Amino acid sequence: MKHSIIVETKDKMLIKTLGLILYLSSSQSEYLFRPNLPMGKYRMVIDKVYPCETTKNHPIQLNWYFSKRTPSITEVKGNSTLLIPFDDTLALDYNLMSWGSTGGWVPNAYILNTKKACSNLKHLLGNAWLNIIEGFNIPSDKCPIPVGTYITSGFDKQKLEDMNFPKTFFFGKYKMVCRYKNLKNEVVGCLKKHLKAKLLLKSKPQTPTIQTLQHQYSKTKTPRFNTQVLLKSLKKVMTIKSTYPKY
């Protein structure tokens, strides 16, 4: 059947992930499927957060770190020093690296390059944005965030993990490099995070995986698996709605 692949991919969780891909595509983003990784409902765990090595002279300094308060509670500590406003004149440049099967970080698992840094980051972080605003005693959750030094006495790191991300993802270990750039494409701030996407309890890995889709799609007239062709095929027979705003 011409669209037999659709029958095999009706699961709502997979469609949500493809919806995010469509959004990222409209945001001038790039992505590299991880076909050998299982996917499904996951719990995000942030293991580390720290400023990049080259941030000493940056006008946006995110001096964050984790500190254990109890054996079961880890807190976010540090300060956010803004010598310029964090606003929509800035751009986001995020690079998500995945941990390779033979060890070592593999860059460009997902790349997000988009303008209007403040508004887009506010939406992508979801509740985590509000938790950061409250935790660092920032006077307002609205954009822009004004110049100032914002200090936290400590808040639970799990509040950083409550983001507005899709509910399904490829399981694995990741490192995210978060760069913020000005209109001259100069880096003005940088933060690194180490993440894990863990299988939720009472949940099973999603099937079919992208690897299965690749195998099935190779049976069609298209000789090679192509993400853009797959998405065009999906869009012909269904509407994939995204909750992400368009700017």
C-alpha atoms as a PDB file:
ATOM      1  CA  MET A   1       0.000   0.000   0.000  1.00  0.00           C
ATOM      2  CA  LYS A   2       1.329   3.411  -0.947  1.00  0.00           C
ATOM      3  CA  HIS A   3       1.000   4.871   2.533  1.00  0.00           C
ATOM      4  CA  SER A   4       1.470   1.676   4.529  1.00  0.00           C
ATOM      5  CA  ILE A   5       4.106   3.418   6.604  1.00  0.00           C
ATOM      6  CA  ILE A   6       1.397   5.598   8.105  1.00  0.00           C
ATOM      7  CA  VAL A   7      -0.455   2.580   9.427  1.00  0.00           C
ATOM      8  CA  GLU A   8       2.679   1.545  11.253  1.00  0.00           C
ATOM      9  CA  THR A   9       3.272   4.954  12.867  1.00  0.00           C
ATOM     10  CA  LYS A  10      -0.053   6.051  14.264  1.00  0.00           C
ATOM     11  CA  ASP A  11       1.091   5.955  17.868  1.00  0.00           C
ATOM     12  CA  LYS A  12       0.445   9.385  19.364  1.00  0.00           C
ATOM     13  CA  MET A  13       3.798   9.613  21.138  1.00  0.00           C
ATOM     14  CA  LEU A  14       5.731   9.207  17.894  1.00  0.00           C
ATOM     15  CA  ILE A  15       3.538  11.774  16.150  1.00  0.00           C
ATOM     16  CA  LYS A  16       4.271  14.312  18.915  1.00  0.00           C
ATOM     17  CA  THR A  17       7.987  13.815  18.369  1.00  0.00           C
ATOM     18  CA  LEU A  18       7.565  14.283  14.621  1.00  0.00           C
ATOM     19  CA  GLY A  19       5.549  17.398  15.373  1.00  0.00           C
ATOM     20  CA  LEU A  20       8.524  18.826  17.253  1.00  0.00           C
ATOM     21  CA  ILE A  21      10.742  18.004  14.275  1.00  0.00           C
ATOM     22  CA  LEU A  22       8.416  19.984  12.023  1.00  0.00           C
ATOM     23  CA  TYR A  23       8.598  22.931  14.407  1.00  0.00           C
ATOM     24  CA  LEU A  24      12.379  22.795  14.573  1.00  0.00           C
ATOM     25  CA  SER A  25      12.464  22.649  10.782  1.00  0.00           C
ATOM     26  CA  SER A  26      10.519  25.904  10.646  1.00  0.00           C
ATOM     27  CA  SER A  27      12.968  27.406  13.153  1.00  0.00           C
ATOM     28  CA  GLN A  28      16.012  26.850  10.945  1.00  0.00           C
ATOM     29  CA  SER A  29      17.064  23.873  13.062  1.00  0.00           C
ATOM     30  CA  GLU A  30      18.947  20.757  12.155  1.00  0.00           C
ATOM     31  CA  TYR A  31      18.554  17.302  13.618  1.00  0.00           C
ATOM     32  CA  LEU A  32      20.171  13.913  13.336  1.00  0.00           C
ATOM     33  CA  PHE A  33      17.957  10.902  14.050  1.00  0.00           C
ATOM     34  CA  ARG A  34      19.408   8.371  16.498  1.00  0.00           C
ATOM     35  CA  PRO A  35      18.046   5.240  14.767  1.00  0.00           C
ATOM     36  CA  ASN A  36      19.828   2.740  17.042  1.00  0.00           C
ATOM     37  CA  LEU A  37      18.336   4.175  20.223  1.00  0.00           C
ATOM     38  CA  PRO A  38      14.953   3.056  21.579  1.00  0.00           C
ATOM     39  CA  MET A  39      12.440   5.790  22.246  1.00  0.00           C
ATOM     40  CA  GLY A  40       9.359   6.255  24.400  1.00  0.00           C
ATOM     41  CA  LYS A  41       8.023   8.081  27.435  1.00  0.00           C
ATOM     42  CA  TYR A  42      10.956   9.288  29.454  1.00  0.00           C
ATOM     43  CA  ARG A  43      11.998  11.122  32.577  1.00  0.00           C
ATOM     44  CA  MET A  44      14.584  13.841  32.103  1.00  0.00           C
ATOM     45  CA  VAL A  45      17.423  13.918  34.624  1.00  0.00           C
ATOM     46  CA  ILE A  46      19.980  16.744  34.647  1.00  0.00           C
ATOM     47  CA  ASP A  47      23.246  15.446  36.121  1.00  0.00           C
ATOM     48  CA  LYS A  48      25.434  18.534  35.752  1.00  0.00           C
ATOM     49  CA  VAL A  49      25.144  22.209  34.945  1.00  0.00           C
ATOM     50  CA  TYR A  50      28.089  24.592  34.671  1.00  0.00           C
ATOM     51  CA  PRO A  51      29.310  27.620  32.675  1.00  0.00           C
ATOM     52  CA  CYS A  52      31.385  27.060  29.549  1.00  0.00           C
ATOM     53  CA  GLU A  53      35.126  27.495  29.880  1.00  0.00           C
ATOM     54  CA  THR A  54      35.245  30.697  27.805  1.00  0.00           C
ATOM     55  CA  THR A  55      32.601  32.766  29.599  1.00  0.00           C
ATOM     56  CA  LYS A  56      34.801  35.042  31.753  1.00  0.00           C
ATOM     57  CA  ASN A  57      34.369  38.075  29.524  1.00  0.00           C
ATOM     58  CA  HIS A  58      30.834  37.382  28.367  1.00  0.00           C
ATOM     59  CA  PRO A  59      28.178  39.987  29.205  1.00  0.00           C
ATOM     60  CA  ILE A  60      25.813  37.154  30.209  1.00  0.00           C
ATOM     61  CA  GLN A  61      27.383  34.993  32.903  1.00  0.00           C
ATOM     62  CA  LEU A  62      25.419  31.989  34.133  1.00  0.00           C
ATOM     63  CA  ASN A  63      27.490  30.816  37.081  1.00  0.00           C
ATOM     64  CA  TRP A  64      25.344  27.823  38.006  1.00  0.00           C
ATOM     65  CA  TYR A  65      26.331  24.611  39.766  1.00  0.00           C
ATOM     66  CA  PHE A  66      24.738  21.740  41.695  1.00  0.00           C
ATOM     67  CA  SER A  67      25.138  21.187  45.431  1.00  0.00           C
ATOM     68  CA  LYS A  68      23.725  18.286  47.462  1.00  0.00           C
ATOM     69  CA  ARG A  69      21.517  19.426  50.343  1.00  0.00           C
ATOM     70  CA  THR A  70      20.554  15.909  51.415  1.00  0.00           C
ATOM     71  CA  PRO A  71      21.295  12.455  49.966  1.00  0.00           C
ATOM     72  CA  SER A  72      18.080  12.738  47.933  1.00  0.00           C
ATOM     73  CA  ILE A  73      17.920  16.478  47.167  1.00  0.00           C
ATOM     74  CA  THR A  74      20.340  18.340  44.898  1.00  0.00           C
ATOM     75  CA  GLU A  75      20.023  22.106  44.626  1.00  0.00           C
ATOM     76  CA  VAL A  76      20.848  24.672  41.962  1.00  0.00           C
ATOM     77  CA  LYS A  77      23.250  27.286  43.351  1.00  0.00           C
ATOM     78  CA  GLY A  78      25.086  30.291  41.962  1.00  0.00           C
ATOM     79  CA  ASN A  79      24.198  33.520  40.209  1.00  0.00           C
ATOM     80  CA  SER A  80      23.118  34.931  36.851  1.00  0.00           C
ATOM     81  CA  THR A  81      24.952  38.148  36.030  1.00  0.00           C
ATOM     82  CA  LEU A  82      23.534  40.120  33.102  1.00  0.00           C
ATOM     83  CA  LEU A  83      25.583  43.071  31.870  1.00  0.00           C
ATOM     84  CA  ILE A  84      23.141  43.349  28.956  1.00  0.00           C
ATOM     85  CA  PRO A  85      19.410  42.557  28.927  1.00  0.00           C
ATOM     86  CA  PHE A  86      18.385  39.035  28.013  1.00  0.00           C
ATOM     87  CA  ASP A  87      15.901  39.904  25.274  1.00  0.00           C
ATOM     88  CA  ASP A  88      14.654  39.055  21.800  1.00  0.00           C
ATOM     89  CA  THR A  89      17.542  40.760  20.012  1.00  0.00           C
ATOM     90  CA  LEU A  90      19.585  37.694  20.998  1.00  0.00           C
ATOM     91  CA  ALA A  91      19.549  34.285  19.330  1.00  0.00           C
ATOM     92  CA  LEU A  92      19.662  30.739  20.705  1.00  0.00           C
ATOM     93  CA  ASP A  93      22.339  28.341  19.468  1.00  0.00           C
ATOM     94  CA  TYR A  94      21.862  24.957  21.146  1.00  0.00           C
ATOM     95  CA  ASN A  95      23.875  21.853  20.295  1.00  0.00           C
ATOM     96  CA  LEU A  96      22.815  18.535  21.807  1.00  0.00           C
ATOM     97  CA  MET A  97      25.514  15.850  21.802  1.00  0.00           C
ATOM     98  CA  SER A  98      24.721  12.172  22.380  1.00  0.00           C
ATOM     99  CA  TRP A  99      26.921   9.602  24.086  1.00  0.00           C
ATOM    100  CA  GLY A 100      28.263   7.193  21.479  1.00  0.00           C
ATOM    101  CA  SER A 101      27.850   3.418  21.699  1.00  0.00           C
ATOM    102  CA  THR A 102      31.641   3.047  21.853  1.00  0.00           C
ATOM    103  CA  GLY A 103      32.127   6.021  24.176  1.00  0.00           C
ATOM    104  CA  GLY A 104      32.741   9.695  23.563  1.00  0.00           C
ATOM    105  CA  TRP A 105      30.388  12.530  22.712  1.00  0.00           C
ATOM    106  CA  VAL A 106      28.873  12.600  19.233  1.00  0.00           C
ATOM    107  CA  PRO A 107      28.054  16.224  18.304  1.00  0.00           C
ATOM    108  CA  ASN A 108      25.019  17.539  16.470  1.00  0.00           C
ATOM    109  CA  ALA A 109      22.423  14.997  17.640  1.00  0.00           C
ATOM    110  CA  TYR A 110      20.082  17.989  17.570  1.00  0.00           C
ATOM    111  CA  ILE A 111      20.824  21.599  16.712  1.00  0.00           C
ATOM    112  CA  LEU A 112      18.545  24.512  17.468  1.00  0.00           C
ATOM    113  CA  ASN A 113      19.317  27.899  15.932  1.00  0.00           C
ATOM    114  CA  THR A 114      16.537  30.420  16.358  1.00  0.00           C
ATOM    115  CA  LYS A 115      16.013  34.128  16.912  1.00  0.00           C
ATOM    116  CA  LYS A 116      14.047  35.836  19.702  1.00  0.00           C
ATOM    117  CA  ALA A 117      16.018  34.086  22.419  1.00  0.00           C
ATOM    118  CA  CYS A 118      14.001  35.293  25.392  1.00  0.00           C
ATOM    119  CA  SER A 119      10.521  34.475  24.054  1.00  0.00           C
ATOM    120  CA  ASN A 120      11.523  31.133  22.572  1.00  0.00           C
ATOM    121  CA  LEU A 121      13.472  30.025  25.637  1.00  0.00           C
ATOM    122  CA  LYS A 122      10.546  30.972  27.868  1.00  0.00           C
ATOM    123  CA  HIS A 123       8.280  28.714  25.860  1.00  0.00           C
ATOM    124  CA  LEU A 124      10.720  25.822  25.504  1.00  0.00           C
ATOM    125  CA  LEU A 125      11.484  25.748  29.242  1.00  0.00           C
ATOM    126  CA  GLY A 126       7.840  25.899  30.298  1.00  0.00           C
ATOM    127  CA  ASN A 127       7.506  25.539  34.074  1.00  0.00           C
ATOM    128  CA  ALA A 128      11.294  25.440  34.420  1.00  0.00           C
ATOM    129  CA  TRP A 129      11.374  29.074  33.241  1.00  0.00           C
ATOM    130  CA  LEU A 130       9.067  30.116  36.085  1.00  0.00           C
ATOM    131  CA  ASN A 131      11.109  28.064  38.560  1.00  0.00           C
ATOM    132  CA  ILE A 132      14.333  29.750  37.432  1.00  0.00           C
ATOM    133  CA  ILE A 133      12.742  33.199  37.700  1.00  0.00           C
ATOM    134  CA  GLU A 134      11.534  32.457  41.226  1.00  0.00           C
ATOM    135  CA  GLY A 135      14.695  30.632  42.297  1.00  0.00           C
ATOM    136  CA  PHE A 136      17.024  33.446  41.199  1.00  0.00           C
ATOM    137  CA  ASN A 137      14.718  36.176  42.564  1.00  0.00           C
ATOM    138  CA  ILE A 138      14.238  37.809  39.168  1.00  0.00           C
ATOM    139  CA  PRO A 139      11.510  40.476  39.542  1.00  0.00           C
ATOM    140  CA  SER A 140       9.388  39.442  36.530  1.00  0.00           C
ATOM    141  CA  ASP A 141       8.929  36.380  34.343  1.00  0.00           C
ATOM    142  CA  LYS A 142       8.276  38.533  31.283  1.00  0.00           C
ATOM    143  CA  CYS A 143      10.768  39.330  28.538  1.00  0.00           C
ATOM    144  CA  PRO A 144      13.181  41.042  28.558  1.00  0.00           C
ATOM    145  CA  ILE A 145      15.106  40.199  31.723  1.00  0.00           C
ATOM    146  CA  PRO A 146      16.850  43.436  32.746  1.00  0.00           C
ATOM    147  CA  VAL A 147      20.501  44.022  33.561  1.00  0.00           C
ATOM    148  CA  GLY A 148      21.396  42.859  37.052  1.00  0.00           C
ATOM    149  CA  THR A 149      22.946  40.171  39.236  1.00  0.00           C
ATOM    150  CA  TYR A 150      20.468  37.526  40.341  1.00  0.00           C
ATOM    151  CA  ILE A 151      21.496  35.165  43.129  1.00  0.00           C
ATOM    152  CA  THR A 152      19.829  31.995  44.340  1.00  0.00           C
ATOM    153  CA  SER A 153      20.064  30.577  47.840  1.00  0.00           C
ATOM    154  CA  GLY A 154      19.300  27.186  46.305  1.00  0.00           C
ATOM    155  CA  PHE A 155      16.327  25.388  44.772  1.00  0.00           C
ATOM    156  CA  ASP A 156      15.664  21.757  43.881  1.00  0.00           C
ATOM    157  CA  LYS A 157      17.306  20.816  40.575  1.00  0.00           C
ATOM    158  CA  GLN A 158      14.212  18.815  39.615  1.00  0.00           C
ATOM    159  CA  LYS A 159      12.542  22.169  39.003  1.00  0.00           C
ATOM    160  CA  LEU A 160      14.955  22.606  36.077  1.00  0.00           C
ATOM    161  CA  GLU A 161      13.722  19.338  34.591  1.00  0.00           C
ATOM    162  CA  ASP A 162      10.078  20.402  34.240  1.00  0.00           C
ATOM    163  CA  MET A 163      10.444  21.620  30.659  1.00  0.00           C
ATOM    164  CA  ASN A 164       7.979  21.983  27.809  1.00  0.00           C
ATOM    165  CA  PHE A 165       9.611  19.242  25.760  1.00  0.00           C
ATOM    166  CA  PRO A 166       7.835  16.399  23.912  1.00  0.00           C
ATOM    167  CA  LYS A 167       6.792  13.506  26.138  1.00  0.00           C
ATOM    168  CA  THR A 168       8.682  10.961  24.046  1.00  0.00           C
ATOM    169  CA  PHE A 169      12.345  10.971  23.118  1.00  0.00           C
ATOM    170  CA  PHE A 170      15.284   8.696  22.368  1.00  0.00           C
ATOM    171  CA  PHE A 171      16.649   7.198  25.593  1.00  0.00           C
ATOM    172  CA  GLY A 172      20.285   7.928  26.306  1.00  0.00           C
ATOM    173  CA  LYS A 173      22.854  10.299  27.732  1.00  0.00           C
ATOM    174  CA  TYR A 174      23.317  13.795  26.319  1.00  0.00           C
ATOM    175  CA  LYS A 175      25.361  16.960  26.745  1.00  0.00           C
ATOM    176  CA  MET A 176      23.797  20.262  25.757  1.00  0.00           C
ATOM    177  CA  VAL A 177      25.856  23.352  24.957  1.00  0.00           C
ATOM    178  CA  CYS A 178      23.610  26.421  25.239  1.00  0.00           C
ATOM    179  CA  ARG A 179      25.035  29.499  23.523  1.00  0.00           C
ATOM    180  CA  TYR A 180      23.420  32.923  23.291  1.00  0.00           C
ATOM    181  CA  LYS A 181      24.471  35.217  20.441  1.00  0.00           C
ATOM    182  CA  ASN A 182      24.001  38.886  19.601  1.00  0.00           C
ATOM    183  CA  LEU A 183      23.114  40.471  16.255  1.00  0.00           C
ATOM    184  CA  LYS A 184      26.776  40.267  15.210  1.00  0.00           C
ATOM    185  CA  ASN A 185      26.680  36.485  15.776  1.00  0.00           C
ATOM    186  CA  GLU A 186      29.035  36.878  18.735  1.00  0.00           C
ATOM    187  CA  VAL A 187      28.609  34.553  21.709  1.00  0.00           C
ATOM    188  CA  VAL A 188      27.514  36.603  24.732  1.00  0.00           C
ATOM    189  CA  GLY A 189      26.746  33.738  27.123  1.00  0.00           C
ATOM    190  CA  CYS A 190      27.216  29.979  27.386  1.00  0.00           C
ATOM    191  CA  LEU A 191      26.042  27.173  29.669  1.00  0.00           C
ATOM    192  CA  LYS A 192      26.524  23.393  29.580  1.00  0.00           C
ATOM    193  CA  LYS A 193      24.183  20.694  30.857  1.00  0.00           C
ATOM    194  CA  HIS A 194      24.574  16.926  31.121  1.00  0.00           C
ATOM    195  CA  LEU A 195      21.230  15.163  30.654  1.00  0.00           C
ATOM    196  CA  LYS A 196      19.751  11.685  30.688  1.00  0.00           C
ATOM    197  CA  ALA A 197      16.484  10.607  29.079  1.00  0.00           C
ATOM    198  CA  LYS A 198      15.425   7.639  31.219  1.00  0.00           C
ATOM    199  CA  LEU A 199      12.607   5.174  30.673  1.00  0.00           C
ATOM    200  CA  LEU A 200       9.583   6.005  32.796  1.00  0.00           C
ATOM    201  CA  LEU A 201       8.482   3.338  35.275  1.00  0.00           C
ATOM    202  CA  LYS A 202       5.583   1.218  33.975  1.00  0.00           C
ATOM    203  CA  SER A 203       6.429   2.352  30.468  1.00  0.00           C
ATOM    204  CA  LYS A 204       7.782   0.375  27.536  1.00  0.00           C
ATOM    205  CA  PRO A 205      10.130   1.501  24.777  1.00  0.00           C
ATOM    206  CA  GLN A 206       8.226   2.774  21.781  1.00  0.00           C
ATOM    207  CA  THR A 207       7.922   0.545  18.736  1.00  0.00           C
ATOM    208  CA  PRO A 208       8.418   0.942  15.885  1.00  0.00           C
ATOM    209  CA  THR A 209      11.648   2.851  16.320  1.00  0.00           C
ATOM    210  CA  ILE A 210      13.066   5.186  13.693  1.00  0.00           C
ATOM    211  CA  GLN A 211      15.244   2.244  12.648  1.00  0.00           C
ATOM    212  CA  THR A 212      12.064   0.285  11.869  1.00  0.00           C
ATOM    213  CA  LEU A 213      10.679   3.246   9.939  1.00  0.00           C
ATOM    214  CA  GLN A 214      13.895   3.428   7.954  1.00  0.00           C
ATOM    215  CA  HIS A 215      13.625  -0.256   7.047  1.00  0.00           C
ATOM    216  CA  GLN A 216       9.967   0.048   6.081  1.00  0.00           C
ATOM    217  CA  TYR A 217      10.473   3.226   4.121  1.00  0.00           C
ATOM    218  CA  SER A 218      13.324   1.651   2.163  1.00  0.00           C
ATOM    219  CA  LYS A 219      10.724  -0.684   0.612  1.00  0.00           C
ATOM    220  CA  THR A 220       9.084   2.234  -1.153  1.00  0.00           C
ATOM    221  CA  LYS A 221      10.242   3.746  -4.448  1.00  0.00           C
ATOM    222  CA  THR A 222      12.557   6.109  -2.581  1.00  0.00           C
ATOM    223  CA  PRO A 223      15.947   4.326  -2.579  1.00  0.00           C
ATOM    224  CA  ARG A 224      17.269   5.974   0.570  1.00  0.00           C
ATOM    225  CA  PHE A 225      15.628   6.990   3.813  1.00  0.00           C
ATOM    226  CA  ASN A 226      15.145  10.738   3.753  1.00  0.00           C
ATOM    227  CA  THR A 227      13.709  12.653   6.705  1.00  0.00           C
ATOM    228  CA  GLN A 228      12.203  15.414   4.592  1.00  0.00           C
ATOM    229  CA  VAL A 229      10.497  12.930   2.252  1.00  0.00           C
ATOM    230  CA  LEU A 230       9.086  11.031   5.230  1.00  0.00           C
ATOM    231  CA  LEU A 231       7.670  14.190   6.731  1.00  0.00           C
ATOM    232  CA  LYS A 232       6.102  15.211   3.417  1.00  0.00           C
ATOM    233  CA  SER A 233       4.468  11.799   3.207  1.00  0.00           C
ATOM    234  CA  LEU A 234       3.093  12.126   6.716  1.00  0.00           C
ATOM    235  CA  LYS A 235       1.765  15.619   6.070  1.00  0.00           C
ATOM    236  CA  LYS A 236      -0.210  14.399   3.039  1.00  0.00           C
ATOM    237  CA  VAL A 237      -2.490  12.172   5.114  1.00  0.00           C
ATOM    238  CA  MET A 238      -2.632  13.811   8.519  1.00  0.00           C
ATOM    239  CA  THR A 239      -2.263  17.165  10.209  1.00  0.00           C
ATOM    240  CA  ILE A 240       0.476  17.303  12.805  1.00  0.00           C
ATOM    241  CA  LYS A 241      -0.236  20.122  15.210  1.00  0.00           C
ATOM    242  CA  SER A 242       2.495  21.705  17.321  1.00  0.00           C
ATOM    243  CA  THR A 243       1.991  23.698  20.486  1.00  0.00           C
ATOM    244  CA  TYR A 244       5.030  25.838  19.737  1.00  0.00           C
ATOM    245  CA  PRO A 245       4.410  29.450  18.737  1.00  0.00           C
ATOM    246  CA  LYS A 246       5.375  30.911  15.373  1.00  0.00           C
ATOM    247  CA  TYR A 247       7.297  34.171  15.262  1.00  0.00           C
END
